[in-house]
PDB file of N, CA and C in Angstrom:
ATOM      1  N   MET A   1       0.764  -1.417   0.103  1.00  0.00           N
ATOM      2  CA  MET A   1       0.082  -0.112   0.212  1.00  0.00           C
ATOM      3  C   MET A   1       0.952   1.652  -0.294  1.00  0.00           C
ATOM      4  N   SER A   2       0.640   1.988  -1.099  1.00  0.00           N
ATOM      5  CA  SER A   2       1.373   3.208  -0.845  1.00  0.00           C
ATOM      6  C   SER A   2       1.125   4.587  -0.188  1.00  0.00           C
ATOM      7  N   ALA A   3       1.634   5.472   0.207  1.00  0.00           N
ATOM      8  CA  ALA A   3       1.444   6.781   0.937  1.00  0.00           C
ATOM      9  C   ALA A   3       0.678   8.045   0.101  1.00  0.00           C
ATOM     10  N   ASN A   4       1.603   7.099  -1.270  1.00  0.00           N
ATOM     11  CA  ASN A   4       0.843   8.659  -2.449  1.00  0.00           C
ATOM     12  C   ASN A   4      -0.197   7.943  -3.273  1.00  0.00           C
ATOM     13  N   ALA A   5      -0.931   6.473  -2.835  1.00  0.00           N
ATOM     14  CA  ALA A   5      -1.900   6.254  -4.262  1.00  0.00           C
ATOM     15  C   ALA A   5      -3.087   7.279  -4.474  1.00  0.00           C
ATOM     16  N   SER A   6      -2.886   6.957  -5.910  1.00  0.00           N
ATOM     17  CA  SER A   6      -3.607   7.590  -6.416  1.00  0.00           C
ATOM     18  C   SER A   6      -4.865   7.069  -7.690  1.00  0.00           C
ATOM     19  N   THR A   7      -5.613   5.359  -6.632  1.00  0.00           N
ATOM     20  CA  THR A   7      -6.474   5.379  -7.223  1.00  0.00           C
ATOM     21  C   THR A   7      -7.357   5.835  -6.949  1.00  0.00           C
ATOM     22  N   SER A   8      -8.535   6.667  -7.963  1.00  0.00           N
ATOM     23  CA  SER A   8      -9.559   7.186  -6.984  1.00  0.00           C
ATOM     24  C   SER A   8     -10.856   5.702  -6.443  1.00  0.00           C
ATOM     25  N   VAL A   9     -11.867   6.290  -5.976  1.00  0.00           N
ATOM     26  CA  VAL A   9     -12.891   5.712  -5.555  1.00  0.00           C
ATOM     27  C   VAL A   9     -13.699   6.705  -5.350  1.00  0.00           C
ATOM     28  N   THR A  10     -14.918   6.034  -5.501  1.00  0.00           N
ATOM     29  CA  THR A  10     -16.406   6.541  -5.449  1.00  0.00           C
ATOM     30  C   THR A  10     -17.664   5.836  -4.569  1.00  0.00           C
ATOM     31  N   PHE A  11     -17.663   6.989  -3.564  1.00  0.00           N
ATOM     32  CA  PHE A  11     -18.609   6.334  -2.635  1.00  0.00           C
ATOM     33  C   PHE A  11     -19.659   6.864  -2.916  1.00  0.00           C
ATOM     34  N   THR A  12     -20.761   6.142  -2.198  1.00  0.00           N
ATOM     35  CA  THR A  12     -22.317   6.510  -2.308  1.00  0.00           C
ATOM     36  C   THR A  12     -22.336   7.540  -1.242  1.00  0.00           C
ATOM     37  N   HIS A  13     -23.431   8.600  -1.134  1.00  0.00           N
ATOM     38  CA  HIS A  13     -24.019   9.587   0.219  1.00  0.00           C
ATOM     39  C   HIS A  13     -23.445   8.943   0.811  1.00  0.00           C
ATOM     40  N   THR A  14     -24.364   7.882   1.306  1.00  0.00           N
ATOM     41  CA  THR A  14     -24.660   7.110   2.801  1.00  0.00           C
ATOM     42  C   THR A  14     -22.772   6.779   3.025  1.00  0.00           C
ATOM     43  N   GLN A  15     -22.474   6.457   2.341  1.00  0.00           N
ATOM     44  CA  GLN A  15     -20.507   5.806   2.172  1.00  0.00           C
ATOM     45  C   GLN A  15     -19.935   6.914   2.856  1.00  0.00           C
ATOM     46  N   THR A  16     -20.157   8.179   1.937  1.00  0.00           N
ATOM     47  CA  THR A  16     -19.237   9.732   2.781  1.00  0.00           C
ATOM     48  C   THR A  16     -19.922   9.942   3.553  1.00  0.00           C
ATOM     49  N   VAL A  17     -20.841   9.632   3.786  1.00  0.00           N
ATOM     50  CA  VAL A  17     -21.555  10.570   5.337  1.00  0.00           C
ATOM     51  C   VAL A  17     -21.019   9.206   6.537  1.00  0.00           C
ATOM     52  N   ALA A  18     -20.371   7.988   6.254  1.00  0.00           N
ATOM     53  CA  ALA A  18     -20.082   7.463   7.259  1.00  0.00           C
ATOM     54  C   ALA A  18     -18.619   7.127   7.104  1.00  0.00           C
ATOM     55  N   VAL A  19     -17.743   7.381   6.529  1.00  0.00           N
ATOM     56  CA  VAL A  19     -16.592   7.983   6.303  1.00  0.00           C
ATOM     57  C   VAL A  19     -16.171   9.326   6.993  1.00  0.00           C
ATOM     58  N   VAL A  20     -16.931  10.113   6.662  1.00  0.00           N
ATOM     59  CA  VAL A  20     -16.699  11.594   7.557  1.00  0.00           C
ATOM     60  C   VAL A  20     -17.275  11.106   8.864  1.00  0.00           C
ATOM     61  N   ASP A  21     -17.975  10.403   9.208  1.00  0.00           N
ATOM     62  CA  ASP A  21     -18.571   9.854  10.955  1.00  0.00           C
ATOM     63  C   ASP A  21     -17.326   9.679  11.225  1.00  0.00           C
ATOM     64  N   VAL A  22     -16.745   8.652  10.988  1.00  0.00           N
ATOM     65  CA  VAL A  22     -15.601   7.855  11.540  1.00  0.00           C
ATOM     66  C   VAL A  22     -14.347   8.676  11.551  1.00  0.00           C
ATOM     67  N   LEU A  23     -13.975   9.821  10.415  1.00  0.00           N
ATOM     68  CA  LEU A  23     -12.875  10.569  10.582  1.00  0.00           C
ATOM     69  C   LEU A  23     -13.082  11.366  11.629  1.00  0.00           C
ATOM     70  N   ALA A  24     -14.174  12.200  11.973  1.00  0.00           N
ATOM     71  CA  ALA A  24     -14.619  13.143  13.032  1.00  0.00           C
ATOM     72  C   ALA A  24     -14.491  12.752  14.005  1.00  0.00           C
ATOM     73  N   GLN A  25     -14.809  11.538  13.953  1.00  0.00           N
ATOM     74  CA  GLN A  25     -14.773  10.293  15.686  1.00  0.00           C
ATOM     75  C   GLN A  25     -13.056  10.030  16.296  1.00  0.00           C
ATOM     76  N   TRP A  26     -12.268   9.626  15.171  1.00  0.00           N
ATOM     77  CA  TRP A  26     -10.931   9.622  15.267  1.00  0.00           C
ATOM     78  C   TRP A  26     -10.057  11.391  15.609  1.00  0.00           C
ATOM     79  N   MET A  27     -10.732  12.271  15.001  1.00  0.00           N
ATOM     80  CA  MET A  27     -10.551  13.726  15.392  1.00  0.00           C
ATOM     81  C   MET A  27     -10.594  13.961  16.470  1.00  0.00           C
ATOM     82  N   ASN A  28     -11.864  13.863  16.974  1.00  0.00           N
ATOM     83  CA  ASN A  28     -12.188  13.613  18.368  1.00  0.00           C
ATOM     84  C   ASN A  28     -11.175  13.390  19.125  1.00  0.00           C
ATOM     85  N   GLU A  29     -11.090  12.313  19.171  1.00  0.00           N
ATOM     86  CA  GLU A  29     -10.296  11.209  20.288  1.00  0.00           C
ATOM     87  C   GLU A  29      -8.804  11.632  20.153  1.00  0.00           C
ATOM     88  N   LEU A  30      -8.433  11.258  18.811  1.00  0.00           N
ATOM     89  CA  LEU A  30      -7.656  11.255  18.686  1.00  0.00           C
ATOM     90  C   LEU A  30      -6.124  13.110  18.652  1.00  0.00           C
ATOM     91  N   GLY A  31      -7.109  14.138  18.077  1.00  0.00           N
ATOM     92  CA  GLY A  31      -6.883  15.098  18.233  1.00  0.00           C
ATOM     93  C   GLY A  31      -6.455  15.275  16.677  1.00  0.00           C
ATOM     94  N   GLY A  32      -6.631  16.614  16.003  1.00  0.00           N
ATOM     95  CA  GLY A  32      -5.993  16.854  14.637  1.00  0.00           C
ATOM     96  C   GLY A  32      -5.114  16.647  13.866  1.00  0.00           C
ATOM     97  N   GLU A  33      -4.210  16.743  14.607  1.00  0.00           N
ATOM     98  CA  GLU A  33      -2.699  16.833  14.199  1.00  0.00           C
ATOM     99  C   GLU A  33      -2.362  15.110  14.539  1.00  0.00           C
ATOM    100  N   GLU A  34      -3.011  14.469  15.180  1.00  0.00           N
ATOM    101  CA  GLU A  34      -2.864  12.909  15.422  1.00  0.00           C
ATOM    102  C   GLU A  34      -2.945  11.993  14.120  1.00  0.00           C
ATOM    103  N   ILE A  35      -4.524  12.542  13.588  1.00  0.00           N
ATOM    104  CA  ILE A  35      -4.748  11.779  12.387  1.00  0.00           C
ATOM    105  C   ILE A  35      -3.946  12.042  11.074  1.00  0.00           C
ATOM    106  N   GLY A  36      -3.338  12.818  11.402  1.00  0.00           N
ATOM    107  CA  GLY A  36      -2.564  13.135   9.855  1.00  0.00           C
ATOM    108  C   GLY A  36      -3.000  14.077   8.539  1.00  0.00           C
ATOM    109  N   GLU A  37      -2.186  14.328   8.157  1.00  0.00           N
ATOM    110  CA  GLU A  37      -2.970  15.812   6.912  1.00  0.00           C
ATOM    111  C   GLU A  37      -3.473  14.881   6.126  1.00  0.00           C
ATOM    112  N   GLY A  38      -3.026  13.908   5.411  1.00  0.00           N
ATOM    113  CA  GLY A  38      -3.931  13.202   4.405  1.00  0.00           C
ATOM    114  C   GLY A  38      -5.144  12.999   5.067  1.00  0.00           C
ATOM    115  N   LEU A  39      -5.621  12.508   5.945  1.00  0.00           N
ATOM    116  CA  LEU A  39      -6.710  12.192   6.416  1.00  0.00           C
ATOM    117  C   LEU A  39      -7.566  13.616   6.770  1.00  0.00           C
ATOM    118  N   PHE A  40      -6.917  14.516   6.982  1.00  0.00           N
ATOM    119  CA  PHE A  40      -7.357  15.770   7.047  1.00  0.00           C
ATOM    120  C   PHE A  40      -7.954  16.111   5.992  1.00  0.00           C
ATOM    121  N   LYS A  41      -7.441  15.958   5.230  1.00  0.00           N
ATOM    122  CA  LYS A  41      -7.425  16.446   3.620  1.00  0.00           C
ATOM    123  C   LYS A  41      -8.849  15.323   3.133  1.00  0.00           C
ATOM    124  N   LEU A  42      -8.868  14.629   3.110  1.00  0.00           N
ATOM    125  CA  LEU A  42      -9.666  13.531   2.925  1.00  0.00           C
ATOM    126  C   LEU A  42     -11.297  13.992   3.379  1.00  0.00           C
ATOM    127  N   MET A  43     -11.317  14.242   4.856  1.00  0.00           N
ATOM    128  CA  MET A  43     -12.339  14.622   5.456  1.00  0.00           C
ATOM    129  C   MET A  43     -13.412  16.176   4.866  1.00  0.00           C
ATOM    130  N   ASP A  44     -12.024  16.753   4.920  1.00  0.00           N
ATOM    131  CA  ASP A  44     -12.062  17.760   4.279  1.00  0.00           C
ATOM    132  C   ASP A  44     -13.049  17.714   2.899  1.00  0.00           C
ATOM    133  N   ALA A  45     -12.507  16.974   1.856  1.00  0.00           N
ATOM    134  CA  ALA A  45     -12.831  16.664   0.623  1.00  0.00           C
ATOM    135  C   ALA A  45     -13.953  16.193   0.465  1.00  0.00           C
ATOM    136  N   LEU A  46     -14.140  15.086   1.100  1.00  0.00           N
ATOM    137  CA  LEU A  46     -15.619  15.038   1.383  1.00  0.00           C
ATOM    138  C   LEU A  46     -17.037  15.485   1.975  1.00  0.00           C
ATOM    139  N   THR A  47     -16.384  16.545   3.093  1.00  0.00           N
ATOM    140  CA  THR A  47     -17.428  16.904   3.297  1.00  0.00           C
ATOM    141  C   THR A  47     -18.066  18.228   2.708  1.00  0.00           C
ATOM    142  N   ASN A  48     -16.647  18.725   1.834  1.00  0.00           N
ATOM    143  CA  ASN A  48     -17.189  19.461   0.582  1.00  0.00           C
ATOM    144  C   ASN A  48     -17.982  18.827  -0.713  1.00  0.00           C
ATOM    145  N   ASP A  49     -17.818  17.605  -1.012  1.00  0.00           N
ATOM    146  CA  ASP A  49     -18.768  16.903  -1.444  1.00  0.00           C
ATOM    147  C   ASP A  49     -19.934  16.434  -0.901  1.00  0.00           C
ATOM    148  N   LEU A  50     -20.096  16.402   0.392  1.00  0.00           N
ATOM    149  CA  LEU A  50     -21.753  16.468   0.527  1.00  0.00           C
ATOM    150  C   LEU A  50     -22.409  18.055   0.711  1.00  0.00           C
ATOM    151  N   GLU A  51     -21.379  18.963   1.435  1.00  0.00           N
ATOM    152  CA  GLU A  51     -22.091  20.226   1.066  1.00  0.00           C
ATOM    153  C   GLU A  51     -22.764  20.357  -0.610  1.00  0.00           C
ATOM    154  N   ARG A  52     -21.963  19.931  -1.206  1.00  0.00           N
ATOM    155  CA  ARG A  52     -22.465  20.318  -3.040  1.00  0.00           C
ATOM    156  C   ARG A  52     -23.461  19.429  -3.489  1.00  0.00           C
ATOM    157  N   GLU A  53     -23.704  18.757  -2.420  1.00  0.00           N
ATOM    158  CA  GLU A  53     -24.823  17.516  -2.653  1.00  0.00           C
ATOM    159  C   GLU A  53     -26.259  18.376  -3.133  1.00  0.00           C
TER     160      GLU A  53
END
């Protein structure tokens, strides 16, 4: 598994909500600095996608 993976993934609305919920829980439990910049960027991108729906 690569830290710089470039394969795209498509989530349904329900899957996107579930991933955002898990990332938010991790962020609350570990703190934003602990989850890493990549996961924070993923959460931000998914949240933006949900807002555009």
